[in-house]
Structure formats: C-alpha cells, structure tokens
Amino acid sequence: MRRIEVLMGEKKIKGRKRHIVTDTQGHLLHVKVHAANLHDTVSGGLVFEEALMKYPTIKGVCADAGYRKTMKNYVENVLKKLIEISERITPGWTILAKRWVVERTFAWLGHFRRLSKDYEINIRSAETNVMIAHSILLLGRF
C-alpha cells in the first residue's frame, strides 16, 4: 500500500479564502472557497474531510502553522488520520519543502486572469475556475 501525503494551503483574497488540497507533486485534489470570516483552523478540518470523501485512501495531511490546534485535534481525533504541521525553524525566511508545493500551485494558478481577483459572485463558479485553470496547466505539460 502506498502512502499518499496531502498538502493544504490557503490564499487570501479580499472577502474570500481559497483552500486547496494537493498531492506531494502539486496536483490539485480538492478546492474549497468560502467567506474570509471563517478561521483557518476551523475550515481546514472541513476542507480535509471533503477531500477524504473524494479520496478515501489518503493517509495523512501536511499543513502549515496556520492550521494548528483546532484542525490538528479534528484530524487526529475525529478523522483518525495523521497530520504534520510544518513549523517555522528559524526567525528568518526559509523554504519549507512540503509547504512550498502548495505555494507553487497557488503561483501557477495566479497566472490566470479570472483567479487574480475575486470576480465570481457564486462560490461554486470560483471553485470551478480553479479546477479549470489547473486542468489547463496539466494539459499544457503534454
């Protein structure tokens, strides 16, 4: 049985947050857009749970320090999955290898005009635009 690691990240857009779940290579597994007034530690657990419904073979998740506490307790105690929170090692700027995968995916998606700002009124269409943009990226690699 192979181990699948999932990485989570969020990008702040005025009024909304985008959470993505990727595999270790940066391929998008799940995206969730919601109002910005919901804290990351609460929404992160819900996003990961939705990703688990799509991909039940996921063994665990890696997330940055913004997802600690509530999400960590939810994933470990309720979902019974492994969670690894990548903490900052030094006070300065450093690349966190697993976290960089999510940031790279957000950078790739940032090249699409419809994702540069929050143009969409409907949250579903915002999520769909992220999926379409990632599909275009993957098709361009062939």
Protein backbone atom coordinates (compact mmCIF):
# COMPACT_ATOMS: atom_id res chain seq x y z
CA MET A 1 0.00 0.00 0.00
CA ARG A 2 1.50 3.32 -0.99
CA ARG A 3 1.38 6.34 1.24
CA ILE A 4 -0.26 9.45 -0.14
CA GLU A 5 0.63 12.72 1.50
CA VAL A 6 -1.69 15.65 1.10
CA LEU A 7 -0.66 19.25 1.43
CA MET A 8 -3.03 22.07 2.27
CA GLY A 9 -2.77 25.78 1.74
CA GLU A 10 -4.80 28.93 1.60
CA LYS A 11 -4.56 32.12 -0.37
CA LYS A 12 -6.24 35.23 0.98
CA ILE A 13 -8.48 37.05 -1.48
CA LYS A 14 -10.46 40.04 -0.19
CA GLY A 15 -13.68 38.66 1.26
CA ARG A 16 -12.92 35.02 0.43
CA LYS A 17 -10.36 32.34 1.15
CA ARG A 18 -9.25 29.59 -1.18
CA HIS A 19 -8.12 26.34 0.38
CA ILE A 20 -6.57 23.67 -1.79
CA VAL A 21 -5.57 20.09 -1.16
CA THR A 22 -2.75 18.83 -3.36
CA ASP A 23 -0.67 15.70 -3.55
CA THR A 24 3.08 15.84 -2.99
CA GLN A 25 3.68 16.80 -6.65
CA GLY A 26 1.32 19.76 -6.55
CA HIS A 27 -1.60 18.20 -8.41
CA LEU A 28 -4.89 19.62 -7.24
CA LEU A 29 -7.12 17.12 -5.43
CA HIS A 30 -9.73 19.41 -3.88
CA VAL A 31 -10.51 23.12 -3.71
CA LYS A 32 -12.82 24.98 -1.35
CA VAL A 33 -13.72 28.67 -1.46
CA HIS A 34 -15.52 30.25 1.49
CA ALA A 35 -16.06 33.54 3.29
CA ALA A 36 -12.97 35.05 4.88
CA ASN A 37 -14.61 35.34 8.30
CA LEU A 38 -14.15 31.60 8.97
CA HIS A 39 -10.81 30.88 10.66
CA ASP A 40 -8.26 28.58 9.00
CA THR A 41 -8.08 26.16 11.92
CA VAL A 42 -11.82 25.51 11.66
CA SER A 43 -12.18 25.48 7.88
CA GLY A 44 -9.03 23.41 7.31
CA GLY A 45 -10.50 20.37 9.01
CA LEU A 46 -13.69 20.63 6.98
CA VAL A 47 -11.77 21.00 3.73
CA PHE A 48 -9.62 17.97 4.52
CA GLU A 49 -12.75 15.97 5.41
CA GLU A 50 -14.27 16.80 1.99
CA ALA A 51 -11.02 15.71 0.32
CA LEU A 52 -11.20 12.43 2.26
CA MET A 53 -14.68 11.81 0.89
CA LYS A 54 -13.30 12.11 -2.65
CA TYR A 55 -10.08 10.18 -1.94
CA PRO A 56 -10.60 7.74 0.96
CA THR A 57 -7.08 6.25 0.59
CA ILE A 58 -5.40 9.42 1.87
CA LYS A 59 -3.25 8.51 4.87
CA GLY A 60 -2.48 11.95 6.26
CA VAL A 61 -2.07 15.64 5.69
CA CYS A 62 0.73 18.19 5.93
CA ALA A 63 -0.22 21.77 6.70
CA ASP A 64 1.46 24.99 7.73
CA ALA A 65 1.30 26.59 11.17
CA GLY A 66 -1.91 28.49 10.29
CA TYR A 67 -3.82 25.22 10.56
CA ARG A 68 -2.67 24.16 14.03
CA LYS A 69 -4.74 23.49 17.16
CA THR A 70 -8.40 23.01 16.16
CA MET A 71 -7.62 21.38 12.83
CA LYS A 72 -4.92 19.18 14.34
CA ASN A 73 -7.32 17.94 17.04
CA TYR A 74 -10.10 17.39 14.49
CA VAL A 75 -7.93 15.42 12.06
CA GLU A 76 -6.29 13.27 14.75
CA ASN A 77 -9.30 12.61 16.99
CA VAL A 78 -12.32 12.68 14.67
CA LEU A 79 -10.95 11.70 11.25
CA LYS A 80 -8.25 9.40 12.72
CA LYS A 81 -5.62 10.50 10.18
CA LEU A 82 -2.03 11.65 10.54
CA ILE A 83 -1.31 15.37 10.46
CA GLU A 84 2.06 17.07 10.27
CA ILE A 85 2.23 20.79 10.96
CA SER A 86 5.33 22.42 9.45
CA GLU A 87 6.60 24.96 11.94
CA ARG A 88 9.00 27.79 11.21
CA ILE A 89 12.53 26.65 12.02
CA THR A 90 14.32 29.99 12.02
CA PRO A 91 13.02 33.51 12.56
CA GLY A 92 14.07 34.49 9.02
CA TRP A 93 12.67 33.46 5.66
CA THR A 94 13.29 29.84 4.66
CA ILE A 95 11.77 27.42 2.18
CA LEU A 96 9.70 24.74 3.86
CA ALA A 97 9.86 21.88 1.38
CA LYS A 98 6.36 20.45 1.77
CA ARG A 99 4.75 23.85 2.17
CA TRP A 100 6.48 25.04 -0.99
CA VAL A 101 4.45 22.57 -3.08
CA VAL A 102 1.20 24.33 -2.18
CA GLU A 103 2.69 27.79 -2.68
CA ARG A 104 3.97 26.74 -6.10
CA THR A 105 0.50 25.53 -7.06
CA PHE A 106 -1.01 28.86 -5.99
CA ALA A 107 1.66 30.64 -8.06
CA TRP A 108 0.74 28.58 -11.14
CA LEU A 109 -2.94 29.40 -10.63
CA GLY A 110 -2.14 33.09 -10.16
CA HIS A 111 -1.23 33.37 -13.85
CA PHE A 112 -4.91 33.09 -14.80
CA ARG A 113 -6.78 36.37 -15.04
CA ARG A 114 -10.02 35.02 -13.57
CA LEU A 115 -8.14 33.91 -10.45
CA SER A 116 -6.13 37.11 -9.95
CA LYS A 117 -9.03 38.78 -8.14
CA ASP A 118 -12.37 37.71 -6.77
CA TYR A 119 -14.50 38.24 -9.89
CA GLU A 120 -17.02 35.50 -9.18
CA ILE A 121 -20.27 36.08 -7.32
CA ASN A 122 -21.02 32.40 -6.80
CA ILE A 123 -18.59 30.34 -4.71
CA ARG A 124 -19.18 27.26 -6.87
CA SER A 125 -18.06 29.10 -10.00
CA ALA A 126 -14.94 30.31 -8.16
CA GLU A 127 -14.08 26.70 -7.25
CA THR A 128 -14.79 25.57 -10.80
CA ASN A 129 -12.48 28.23 -12.23
CA VAL A 130 -9.65 26.95 -10.05
CA MET A 131 -10.23 23.41 -11.30
CA ILE A 132 -10.38 24.57 -14.95
CA ALA A 133 -7.16 26.57 -14.56
CA HIS A 134 -5.36 23.58 -13.07
CA SER A 135 -6.66 21.33 -15.88
CA ILE A 136 -5.26 23.78 -18.44
CA LEU A 137 -1.89 23.68 -16.64
CA LEU A 138 -1.81 19.89 -16.74
CA LEU A 139 -2.83 19.76 -20.42
CA GLY A 140 -0.09 22.24 -21.27
CA ARG A 141 2.53 19.83 -19.92
CA PHE A 142 1.79 17.16 -22.53
